[in-house]
Amino acid sequence: MDFLEAVILGILQGLTEFLPISSSAHLRIFGDLAEWGDPGATFTAITQLGTETAVLIYFWRDITRIIGKWFRSFGSRGGEHSAGIRKGDPDVRMGWLIIIGTVPIVLAGFFLQDAIRTAFRSLWIVAIVLIVFGLLLGVADLLGRRTKELDQLSYRDGILVGFAQMLALIPGVSRSGASVSAGLALGYTRPAAARFAFLLAVPAVFGSGLYELYTALTCEPGVDAGCTTGYGMAETLVATVVAFVVGLAVIAFLMRYIERRSFLPFVIYRILLGGTLIVLLSTGVLQP
């Protein structure tokens, strides 16, 4: 039964990680509805290694180009770099922006570990932020100018999106939803905002997932907080692989979808889900 649960949770993780509807919220809510219990922050972080591997594959050309140019940029000679990379190259700037934009969520994740594992996972908080950040996404999508492309991304804008990503430590916010909302509010097109959101998440998600994996493998049960994933490592691995496969398909779908369509369906879904969760909590069907 644990393997079946892991497969289902892996599918859910893959379906919701890249859509702006919060994968951690869905795992948290579904675990309680199915009476399986909260899978936990550790299980969620490890399974995100699967979905983030999907990002590496889908954006492989972009990622290798950015990394290659970023490293070659250190051989600068005057206004032009030794490898023919001009000063101000957008890929070099993107490399720096991904590094700098990751700092806020790393610091917040380090100093707020206990709250991330406990207080932030309250279903009341999940319900409220689902609605609030759904409305913010709707406003940003409706009022954003949507004129800037990714090669116009400035250091100021990249840092602001980085701070928005930091909020995703709270289940219900959505990493992609917060980053995309910030990008739209700053005037970027939907594909540009989504692309940067996915690229920006790579170091943070891999760092978090690998740290939680190390913790789960080395901590002492009953002594260390957050020691278990809620499932055995075999089940967690299965969920991670399933999340990778489903997540890869979802990225491809979303990047095609937002070329012509708005985020309105996701806004409506978030509000309905948050509202339903409030009703379930108020009537005692679910406990916070």
C-alpha atoms as a PDB file:
ATOM      1  CA  MET A   1       0.000   0.000   0.000  1.00  0.00           C
ATOM      2  CA  ASP A   2       2.882   2.386   0.735  1.00  0.00           C
ATOM      3  CA  PHE A   3       4.152   1.969  -2.831  1.00  0.00           C
ATOM      4  CA  LEU A   4       0.695   2.724  -4.236  1.00  0.00           C
ATOM      5  CA  GLU A   5       0.491   5.827  -2.065  1.00  0.00           C
ATOM      6  CA  ALA A   6       3.964   6.856  -3.221  1.00  0.00           C
ATOM      7  CA  VAL A   7       2.978   6.497  -6.878  1.00  0.00           C
ATOM      8  CA  ILE A   8      -0.154   8.590  -6.368  1.00  0.00           C
ATOM      9  CA  LEU A   9       1.761  11.279  -4.471  1.00  0.00           C
ATOM     10  CA  GLY A  10       4.449  11.242  -7.172  1.00  0.00           C
ATOM     11  CA  ILE A  11       1.810  11.819  -9.849  1.00  0.00           C
ATOM     12  CA  LEU A  12       0.334  14.638  -7.778  1.00  0.00           C
ATOM     13  CA  GLN A  13       3.779  16.204  -7.279  1.00  0.00           C
ATOM     14  CA  GLY A  14       4.514  16.054 -10.998  1.00  0.00           C
ATOM     15  CA  LEU A  15       1.130  17.500 -11.951  1.00  0.00           C
ATOM     16  CA  THR A  16       1.264  20.455  -9.568  1.00  0.00           C
ATOM     17  CA  GLU A  17       4.938  21.435  -9.231  1.00  0.00           C
ATOM     18  CA  PHE A  18       5.076  23.666 -12.310  1.00  0.00           C
ATOM     19  CA  LEU A  19       1.490  24.842 -12.442  1.00  0.00           C
ATOM     20  CA  PRO A  20       1.031  27.926 -10.205  1.00  0.00           C
ATOM     21  CA  ILE A  21      -1.147  26.036  -7.730  1.00  0.00           C
ATOM     22  CA  SER A  22       1.421  24.791  -5.144  1.00  0.00           C
ATOM     23  CA  SER A  23       2.550  21.168  -5.151  1.00  0.00           C
ATOM     24  CA  SER A  24       3.349  21.221  -1.410  1.00  0.00           C
ATOM     25  CA  ALA A  25      -0.206  22.353  -0.634  1.00  0.00           C
ATOM     26  CA  HIS A  26      -1.684  19.553  -2.722  1.00  0.00           C
ATOM     27  CA  LEU A  27       0.472  16.898  -1.085  1.00  0.00           C
ATOM     28  CA  ARG A  28      -0.426  18.291   2.325  1.00  0.00           C
ATOM     29  CA  ILE A  29      -4.178  18.422   1.617  1.00  0.00           C
ATOM     30  CA  PHE A  30      -4.435  15.115  -0.246  1.00  0.00           C
ATOM     31  CA  GLY A  31      -2.475  13.276   2.445  1.00  0.00           C
ATOM     32  CA  ASP A  32      -5.066  14.264   5.037  1.00  0.00           C
ATOM     33  CA  LEU A  33      -8.088  13.672   2.795  1.00  0.00           C
ATOM     34  CA  ALA A  34      -6.860  10.177   1.967  1.00  0.00           C
ATOM     35  CA  GLU A  35      -6.166   9.629   5.696  1.00  0.00           C
ATOM     36  CA  TRP A  36      -2.519   8.905   4.912  1.00  0.00           C
ATOM     37  CA  GLY A  37      -1.299  11.821   7.013  1.00  0.00           C
ATOM     38  CA  ASP A  38       0.986  14.695   6.088  1.00  0.00           C
ATOM     39  CA  PRO A  39       3.797  13.360   3.822  1.00  0.00           C
ATOM     40  CA  GLY A  40       6.023  16.015   5.400  1.00  0.00           C
ATOM     41  CA  ALA A  41       8.437  18.667   4.189  1.00  0.00           C
ATOM     42  CA  THR A  42      11.240  16.109   3.776  1.00  0.00           C
ATOM     43  CA  PHE A  43       9.233  13.843   1.455  1.00  0.00           C
ATOM     44  CA  THR A  44       8.103  16.865  -0.562  1.00  0.00           C
ATOM     45  CA  ALA A  45      11.632  18.244  -0.935  1.00  0.00           C
ATOM     46  CA  ILE A  46      13.072  14.891  -2.040  1.00  0.00           C
ATOM     47  CA  THR A  47      10.360  14.229  -4.629  1.00  0.00           C
ATOM     48  CA  GLN A  48      11.023  17.703  -6.024  1.00  0.00           C
ATOM     49  CA  LEU A  49      14.408  16.368  -7.128  1.00  0.00           C
ATOM     50  CA  GLY A  50      12.428  14.416  -9.718  1.00  0.00           C
ATOM     51  CA  THR A  51      10.478  17.374 -11.037  1.00  0.00           C
ATOM     52  CA  GLU A  52      13.567  19.573 -11.058  1.00  0.00           C
ATOM     53  CA  THR A  53      15.430  16.964 -13.087  1.00  0.00           C
ATOM     54  CA  ALA A  54      12.626  17.411 -15.614  1.00  0.00           C
ATOM     55  CA  VAL A  55      13.532  21.117 -15.715  1.00  0.00           C
ATOM     56  CA  LEU A  56      17.165  20.231 -16.433  1.00  0.00           C
ATOM     57  CA  ILE A  57      16.148  18.079 -19.377  1.00  0.00           C
ATOM     58  CA  TYR A  58      13.537  20.432 -20.827  1.00  0.00           C
ATOM     59  CA  PHE A  59      15.778  23.518 -20.569  1.00  0.00           C
ATOM     60  CA  TRP A  60      19.040  21.634 -21.158  1.00  0.00           C
ATOM     61  CA  ARG A  61      20.211  23.864 -24.009  1.00  0.00           C
ATOM     62  CA  ASP A  62      19.479  27.037 -22.063  1.00  0.00           C
ATOM     63  CA  ILE A  63      21.145  25.762 -18.900  1.00  0.00           C
ATOM     64  CA  THR A  64      24.316  24.488 -20.585  1.00  0.00           C
ATOM     65  CA  ARG A  65      24.626  27.698 -22.619  1.00  0.00           C
ATOM     66  CA  ILE A  66      24.210  29.895 -19.530  1.00  0.00           C
ATOM     67  CA  ILE A  67      26.691  27.857 -17.478  1.00  0.00           C
ATOM     68  CA  GLY A  68      29.219  27.757 -20.313  1.00  0.00           C
ATOM     69  CA  LYS A  69      29.104  31.483 -20.985  1.00  0.00           C
ATOM     70  CA  TRP A  70      29.135  32.330 -17.279  1.00  0.00           C
ATOM     71  CA  PHE A  71      32.365  30.406 -16.722  1.00  0.00           C
ATOM     72  CA  ARG A  72      33.997  31.718 -19.889  1.00  0.00           C
ATOM     73  CA  SER A  73      33.134  35.291 -18.892  1.00  0.00           C
ATOM     74  CA  PHE A  74      35.872  35.262 -16.244  1.00  0.00           C
ATOM     75  CA  GLY A  75      38.498  35.539 -18.965  1.00  0.00           C
ATOM     76  CA  SER A  76      37.568  39.147 -19.711  1.00  0.00           C
ATOM     77  CA  ARG A  77      39.764  41.406 -21.806  1.00  0.00           C
ATOM     78  CA  GLY A  78      38.603  44.980 -21.929  1.00  0.00           C
ATOM     79  CA  GLY A  79      35.067  45.354 -23.239  1.00  0.00           C
ATOM     80  CA  GLU A  80      34.969  41.880 -24.756  1.00  0.00           C
ATOM     81  CA  HIS A  81      35.640  38.533 -23.143  1.00  0.00           C
ATOM     82  CA  SER A  82      38.341  36.183 -24.323  1.00  0.00           C
ATOM     83  CA  ALA A  83      35.865  33.629 -25.674  1.00  0.00           C
ATOM     84  CA  GLY A  84      34.082  36.238 -27.778  1.00  0.00           C
ATOM     85  CA  ILE A  85      31.452  36.945 -25.125  1.00  0.00           C
ATOM     86  CA  ARG A  86      30.615  40.616 -25.080  1.00  0.00           C
ATOM     87  CA  LYS A  87      30.258  42.643 -21.912  1.00  0.00           C
ATOM     88  CA  GLY A  88      26.635  42.595 -20.743  1.00  0.00           C
ATOM     89  CA  ASP A  89      25.885  39.279 -22.453  1.00  0.00           C
ATOM     90  CA  PRO A  90      22.339  38.259 -21.364  1.00  0.00           C
ATOM     91  CA  ASP A  91      23.358  34.659 -20.653  1.00  0.00           C
ATOM     92  CA  VAL A  92      26.198  35.771 -18.377  1.00  0.00           C
ATOM     93  CA  ARG A  93      23.805  38.154 -16.633  1.00  0.00           C
ATOM     94  CA  MET A  94      21.286  35.313 -16.313  1.00  0.00           C
ATOM     95  CA  GLY A  95      23.910  33.156 -14.609  1.00  0.00           C
ATOM     96  CA  TRP A  96      24.567  35.864 -12.034  1.00  0.00           C
ATOM     97  CA  LEU A  97      20.846  36.501 -11.561  1.00  0.00           C
ATOM     98  CA  ILE A  98      20.158  32.829 -10.839  1.00  0.00           C
ATOM     99  CA  ILE A  99      22.944  32.837  -8.235  1.00  0.00           C
ATOM    100  CA  ILE A 100      21.927  36.124  -6.615  1.00  0.00           C
ATOM    101  CA  GLY A 101      18.197  35.389  -6.849  1.00  0.00           C
ATOM    102  CA  THR A 102      18.700  32.098  -5.014  1.00  0.00           C
ATOM    103  CA  VAL A 103      20.252  33.739  -1.935  1.00  0.00           C
ATOM    104  CA  PRO A 104      16.955  34.891  -0.300  1.00  0.00           C
ATOM    105  CA  ILE A 105      15.331  31.445  -0.303  1.00  0.00           C
ATOM    106  CA  VAL A 106      18.553  29.775   0.896  1.00  0.00           C
ATOM    107  CA  LEU A 107      18.854  32.127   3.868  1.00  0.00           C
ATOM    108  CA  ALA A 108      15.153  31.898   4.719  1.00  0.00           C
ATOM    109  CA  GLY A 109      15.216  28.104   4.405  1.00  0.00           C
ATOM    110  CA  PHE A 110      18.208  27.872   6.737  1.00  0.00           C
ATOM    111  CA  PHE A 111      16.885  30.151   9.470  1.00  0.00           C
ATOM    112  CA  LEU A 112      13.238  29.013   9.294  1.00  0.00           C
ATOM    113  CA  GLN A 113      13.745  25.239   9.152  1.00  0.00           C
ATOM    114  CA  ASP A 114      11.604  24.496  12.207  1.00  0.00           C
ATOM    115  CA  ALA A 115       8.717  26.679  11.033  1.00  0.00           C
ATOM    116  CA  ILE A 116       8.853  25.129   7.551  1.00  0.00           C
ATOM    117  CA  ARG A 117       8.471  21.654   9.042  1.00  0.00           C
ATOM    118  CA  THR A 118       5.745  22.612  11.534  1.00  0.00           C
ATOM    119  CA  ALA A 119       3.885  25.944  11.729  1.00  0.00           C
ATOM    120  CA  PHE A 120       3.924  26.736   8.000  1.00  0.00           C
ATOM    121  CA  ARG A 121       2.218  23.414   7.269  1.00  0.00           C
ATOM    122  CA  SER A 122      -0.992  24.377   9.081  1.00  0.00           C
ATOM    123  CA  LEU A 123      -3.917  23.872   6.716  1.00  0.00           C
ATOM    124  CA  TRP A 124      -5.371  27.228   7.784  1.00  0.00           C
ATOM    125  CA  ILE A 125      -2.247  28.933   6.477  1.00  0.00           C
ATOM    126  CA  VAL A 126      -2.374  26.827   3.318  1.00  0.00           C
ATOM    127  CA  ALA A 127      -5.996  27.810   2.668  1.00  0.00           C
ATOM    128  CA  ILE A 128      -5.393  31.529   3.168  1.00  0.00           C
ATOM    129  CA  VAL A 129      -2.273  31.763   1.024  1.00  0.00           C
ATOM    130  CA  LEU A 130      -3.885  29.708  -1.754  1.00  0.00           C
ATOM    131  CA  ILE A 131      -6.546  32.399  -2.061  1.00  0.00           C
ATOM    132  CA  VAL A 132      -4.363  35.466  -1.437  1.00  0.00           C
ATOM    133  CA  PHE A 133      -1.577  34.485  -3.819  1.00  0.00           C
ATOM    134  CA  GLY A 134      -4.124  33.287  -6.352  1.00  0.00           C
ATOM    135  CA  LEU A 135      -5.616  36.783  -6.371  1.00  0.00           C
ATOM    136  CA  LEU A 136      -2.141  38.328  -6.654  1.00  0.00           C
ATOM    137  CA  LEU A 137      -1.394  36.123  -9.659  1.00  0.00           C
ATOM    138  CA  GLY A 138      -4.681  37.182 -11.251  1.00  0.00           C
ATOM    139  CA  VAL A 139      -3.977  40.891 -10.714  1.00  0.00           C
ATOM    140  CA  ALA A 140      -0.402  40.608 -12.021  1.00  0.00           C
ATOM    141  CA  ASP A 141      -1.567  38.679 -15.081  1.00  0.00           C
ATOM    142  CA  LEU A 142      -4.365  41.158 -15.794  1.00  0.00           C
ATOM    143  CA  LEU A 143      -2.503  44.420 -15.206  1.00  0.00           C
ATOM    144  CA  GLY A 144       1.076  43.485 -16.152  1.00  0.00           C
ATOM    145  CA  ARG A 145       2.324  45.136 -19.348  1.00  0.00           C
ATOM    146  CA  ARG A 146       3.801  41.849 -20.661  1.00  0.00           C
ATOM    147  CA  THR A 147       6.252  43.636 -22.974  1.00  0.00           C
ATOM    148  CA  LYS A 148       9.682  42.579 -21.651  1.00  0.00           C
ATOM    149  CA  GLU A 149      11.507  39.479 -22.866  1.00  0.00           C
ATOM    150  CA  LEU A 150      13.966  37.374 -20.897  1.00  0.00           C
ATOM    151  CA  ASP A 151      17.062  38.999 -22.411  1.00  0.00           C
ATOM    152  CA  GLN A 152      15.874  42.309 -20.890  1.00  0.00           C
ATOM    153  CA  LEU A 153      15.912  40.931 -17.342  1.00  0.00           C
ATOM    154  CA  SER A 154      17.721  43.407 -15.087  1.00  0.00           C
ATOM    155  CA  TYR A 155      19.529  42.743 -11.818  1.00  0.00           C
ATOM    156  CA  ARG A 156      16.851  44.619  -9.901  1.00  0.00           C
ATOM    157  CA  ASP A 157      14.058  42.553 -11.413  1.00  0.00           C
ATOM    158  CA  GLY A 158      15.927  39.283 -10.948  1.00  0.00           C
ATOM    159  CA  ILE A 159      16.507  40.008  -7.264  1.00  0.00           C
ATOM    160  CA  LEU A 160      12.852  40.949  -6.753  1.00  0.00           C
ATOM    161  CA  VAL A 161      11.750  37.669  -8.332  1.00  0.00           C
ATOM    162  CA  GLY A 162      14.226  35.922  -6.034  1.00  0.00           C
ATOM    163  CA  PHE A 163      12.519  37.423  -2.989  1.00  0.00           C
ATOM    164  CA  ALA A 164       9.155  36.329  -4.392  1.00  0.00           C
ATOM    165  CA  GLN A 165      10.472  32.770  -4.758  1.00  0.00           C
ATOM    166  CA  MET A 166      11.445  32.857  -1.076  1.00  0.00           C
ATOM    167  CA  LEU A 167       7.749  32.992  -0.142  1.00  0.00           C
ATOM    168  CA  ALA A 168       7.280  29.533  -1.652  1.00  0.00           C
ATOM    169  CA  LEU A 169       8.647  28.037   1.578  1.00  0.00           C
ATOM    170  CA  ILE A 170       5.050  28.401   2.787  1.00  0.00           C
ATOM    171  CA  PRO A 171       2.867  25.591   1.368  1.00  0.00           C
ATOM    172  CA  GLY A 172       0.119  27.098  -0.750  1.00  0.00           C
ATOM    173  CA  VAL A 173       2.162  29.969  -2.171  1.00  0.00           C
ATOM    174  CA  SER A 174       3.631  27.987  -5.106  1.00  0.00           C
ATOM    175  CA  ARG A 175       7.218  28.505  -6.192  1.00  0.00           C
ATOM    176  CA  SER A 176       6.297  28.989  -9.840  1.00  0.00           C
ATOM    177  CA  GLY A 177       3.209  31.030  -8.928  1.00  0.00           C
ATOM    178  CA  ALA A 178       5.094  33.520  -6.747  1.00  0.00           C
ATOM    179  CA  SER A 179       7.979  33.919  -9.213  1.00  0.00           C
ATOM    180  CA  VAL A 180       5.698  34.221 -12.233  1.00  0.00           C
ATOM    181  CA  SER A 181       3.474  36.747 -10.439  1.00  0.00           C
ATOM    182  CA  ALA A 182       6.523  38.903  -9.695  1.00  0.00           C
ATOM    183  CA  GLY A 183       7.721  38.603 -13.280  1.00  0.00           C
ATOM    184  CA  LEU A 184       4.328  39.592 -14.675  1.00  0.00           C
ATOM    185  CA  ALA A 185       4.050  42.521 -12.253  1.00  0.00           C
ATOM    186  CA  LEU A 186       7.466  43.731 -13.470  1.00  0.00           C
ATOM    187  CA  GLY A 187       6.241  43.752 -17.071  1.00  0.00           C
ATOM    188  CA  TYR A 188       7.591  40.483 -18.508  1.00  0.00           C
ATOM    189  CA  THR A 189       5.709  38.266 -20.930  1.00  0.00           C
ATOM    190  CA  ARG A 190       4.132  35.087 -19.604  1.00  0.00           C
ATOM    191  CA  PRO A 191       6.684  32.749 -21.291  1.00  0.00           C
ATOM    192  CA  ALA A 192       9.604  34.929 -20.092  1.00  0.00           C
ATOM    193  CA  ALA A 193       8.306  35.051 -16.511  1.00  0.00           C
ATOM    194  CA  ALA A 194       7.726  31.291 -16.451  1.00  0.00           C
ATOM    195  CA  ARG A 195      11.083  30.502 -18.023  1.00  0.00           C
ATOM    196  CA  PHE A 196      12.999  32.533 -15.464  1.00  0.00           C
ATOM    197  CA  ALA A 197      10.907  31.064 -12.636  1.00  0.00           C
ATOM    198  CA  PHE A 198      11.876  27.526 -13.699  1.00  0.00           C
ATOM    199  CA  LEU A 199      15.564  28.346 -14.194  1.00  0.00           C
ATOM    200  CA  LEU A 200      15.750  30.240 -10.899  1.00  0.00           C
ATOM    201  CA  ALA A 201      14.291  27.273  -9.019  1.00  0.00           C
ATOM    202  CA  VAL A 202      16.987  24.809 -10.137  1.00  0.00           C
ATOM    203  CA  PRO A 203      19.731  25.510  -7.541  1.00  0.00           C
ATOM    204  CA  ALA A 204      17.276  26.122  -4.682  1.00  0.00           C
ATOM    205  CA  VAL A 205      15.244  22.966  -5.258  1.00  0.00           C
ATOM    206  CA  PHE A 206      18.250  20.731  -5.833  1.00  0.00           C
ATOM    207  CA  GLY A 207      19.969  22.180  -2.772  1.00  0.00           C
ATOM    208  CA  SER A 208      16.907  21.663  -0.594  1.00  0.00           C
ATOM    209  CA  GLY A 209      16.179  18.192  -1.933  1.00  0.00           C
ATOM    210  CA  LEU A 210      19.744  16.936  -1.544  1.00  0.00           C
ATOM    211  CA  TYR A 211      19.950  18.400   1.969  1.00  0.00           C
ATOM    212  CA  GLU A 212      16.695  16.701   3.001  1.00  0.00           C
ATOM    213  CA  LEU A 213      17.852  13.451   1.393  1.00  0.00           C
ATOM    214  CA  TYR A 214      21.093  13.604   3.369  1.00  0.00           C
ATOM    215  CA  THR A 215      19.136  14.380   6.549  1.00  0.00           C
ATOM    216  CA  ALA A 216      16.764  11.466   6.011  1.00  0.00           C
ATOM    217  CA  LEU A 217      19.653   9.059   5.430  1.00  0.00           C
ATOM    218  CA  THR A 218      21.841  10.168   8.331  1.00  0.00           C
ATOM    219  CA  CYS A 219      19.579  11.387  11.132  1.00  0.00           C
ATOM    220  CA  GLU A 220      18.587   9.345  14.173  1.00  0.00           C
ATOM    221  CA  PRO A 221      14.867   8.448  14.325  1.00  0.00           C
ATOM    222  CA  GLY A 222      13.147   9.618  17.479  1.00  0.00           C
ATOM    223  CA  VAL A 223      15.927  12.070  18.236  1.00  0.00           C
ATOM    224  CA  ASP A 224      16.325  14.428  15.282  1.00  0.00           C
ATOM    225  CA  ALA A 225      13.402  16.577  14.118  1.00  0.00           C
ATOM    226  CA  GLY A 226      12.188  15.918  10.585  1.00  0.00           C
ATOM    227  CA  CYS A 227      14.099  12.656  10.456  1.00  0.00           C
ATOM    228  CA  THR A 228      11.603  10.682   8.413  1.00  0.00           C
ATOM    229  CA  THR A 229      10.126  11.247   4.978  1.00  0.00           C
ATOM    230  CA  GLY A 230       6.863   9.646   6.097  1.00  0.00           C
ATOM    231  CA  TYR A 231       7.689   6.756   3.749  1.00  0.00           C
ATOM    232  CA  GLY A 232      10.607   4.390   3.317  1.00  0.00           C
ATOM    233  CA  MET A 233      13.425   5.452   1.004  1.00  0.00           C
ATOM    234  CA  ALA A 234      12.315   2.916  -1.614  1.00  0.00           C
ATOM    235  CA  GLU A 235       8.808   4.401  -1.735  1.00  0.00           C
ATOM    236  CA  THR A 236      10.219   7.931  -1.776  1.00  0.00           C
ATOM    237  CA  LEU A 237      12.450   6.991  -4.728  1.00  0.00           C
ATOM    238  CA  VAL A 238       9.449   5.611  -6.611  1.00  0.00           C
ATOM    239  CA  ALA A 239       7.513   8.822  -5.988  1.00  0.00           C
ATOM    240  CA  THR A 240      10.507  10.875  -7.199  1.00  0.00           C
ATOM    241  CA  VAL A 241      10.795   8.929 -10.471  1.00  0.00           C
ATOM    242  CA  VAL A 242       7.053   9.195 -11.115  1.00  0.00           C
ATOM    243  CA  ALA A 243       7.176  12.936 -10.388  1.00  0.00           C
ATOM    244  CA  PHE A 244       9.975  13.315 -12.946  1.00  0.00           C
ATOM    245  CA  VAL A 245       8.034  11.625 -15.744  1.00  0.00           C
ATOM    246  CA  VAL A 246       4.784  13.490 -15.082  1.00  0.00           C
ATOM    247  CA  GLY A 247       6.569  16.794 -14.452  1.00  0.00           C
ATOM    248  CA  LEU A 248       8.352  16.687 -17.816  1.00  0.00           C
ATOM    249  CA  ALA A 249       5.012  16.383 -19.608  1.00  0.00           C
ATOM    250  CA  VAL A 250       3.501  19.207 -17.524  1.00  0.00           C
ATOM    251  CA  ILE A 251       6.365  21.628 -18.345  1.00  0.00           C
ATOM    252  CA  ALA A 252       5.881  21.025 -22.059  1.00  0.00           C
ATOM    253  CA  PHE A 253       2.138  21.592 -21.716  1.00  0.00           C
ATOM    254  CA  LEU A 254       2.441  24.772 -19.648  1.00  0.00           C
ATOM    255  CA  MET A 255       5.041  26.448 -21.870  1.00  0.00           C
ATOM    256  CA  ARG A 256       2.772  25.906 -24.903  1.00  0.00           C
ATOM    257  CA  TYR A 257      -0.351  26.936 -23.003  1.00  0.00           C
ATOM    258  CA  ILE A 258       0.891  30.335 -21.778  1.00  0.00           C
ATOM    259  CA  GLU A 259       2.034  31.441 -25.228  1.00  0.00           C
ATOM    260  CA  ARG A 260      -1.592  32.287 -26.030  1.00  0.00           C
ATOM    261  CA  ARG A 261      -3.615  31.910 -22.847  1.00  0.00           C
ATOM    262  CA  SER A 262      -3.798  33.581 -19.440  1.00  0.00           C
ATOM    263  CA  PHE A 263      -3.362  32.192 -15.923  1.00  0.00           C
ATOM    264  CA  LEU A 264      -7.041  32.822 -15.106  1.00  0.00           C
ATOM    265  CA  PRO A 265      -8.025  29.108 -14.851  1.00  0.00           C
ATOM    266  CA  PHE A 266      -5.299  28.588 -12.250  1.00  0.00           C
ATOM    267  CA  VAL A 267      -6.429  31.691 -10.330  1.00  0.00           C
ATOM    268  CA  ILE A 268     -10.001  30.384 -10.192  1.00  0.00           C
ATOM    269  CA  TYR A 269      -8.802  26.923  -9.176  1.00  0.00           C
ATOM    270  CA  ARG A 270      -6.694  28.316  -6.319  1.00  0.00           C
ATOM    271  CA  ILE A 271      -9.589  30.362  -4.949  1.00  0.00           C
ATOM    272  CA  LEU A 272     -11.985  27.415  -5.151  1.00  0.00           C
ATOM    273  CA  LEU A 273      -9.478  25.063  -3.526  1.00  0.00           C
ATOM    274  CA  GLY A 274      -8.696  27.526  -0.746  1.00  0.00           C
ATOM    275  CA  GLY A 275     -12.387  28.176  -0.133  1.00  0.00           C
ATOM    276  CA  THR A 276     -13.170  24.449  -0.053  1.00  0.00           C
ATOM    277  CA  LEU A 277     -10.332  23.874   2.396  1.00  0.00           C
ATOM    278  CA  ILE A 278     -11.684  26.577   4.711  1.00  0.00           C
ATOM    279  CA  VAL A 279     -15.104  24.878   4.681  1.00  0.00           C
ATOM    280  CA  LEU A 280     -13.562  21.470   5.426  1.00  0.00           C
ATOM    281  CA  LEU A 281     -11.568  22.909   8.313  1.00  0.00           C
ATOM    282  CA  SER A 282     -14.524  24.877   9.683  1.00  0.00           C
ATOM    283  CA  THR A 283     -16.781  21.816   9.675  1.00  0.00           C
ATOM    284  CA  GLY A 284     -14.171  19.569  11.274  1.00  0.00           C
ATOM    285  CA  VAL A 285     -13.776  17.284   8.250  1.00  0.00           C
ATOM    286  CA  LEU A 286     -10.059  18.129   8.273  1.00  0.00           C
ATOM    287  CA  GLN A 287      -7.877  19.116  11.182  1.00  0.00           C
ATOM    288  CA  PRO A 288      -5.355  21.934  10.676  1.00  0.00           C
END
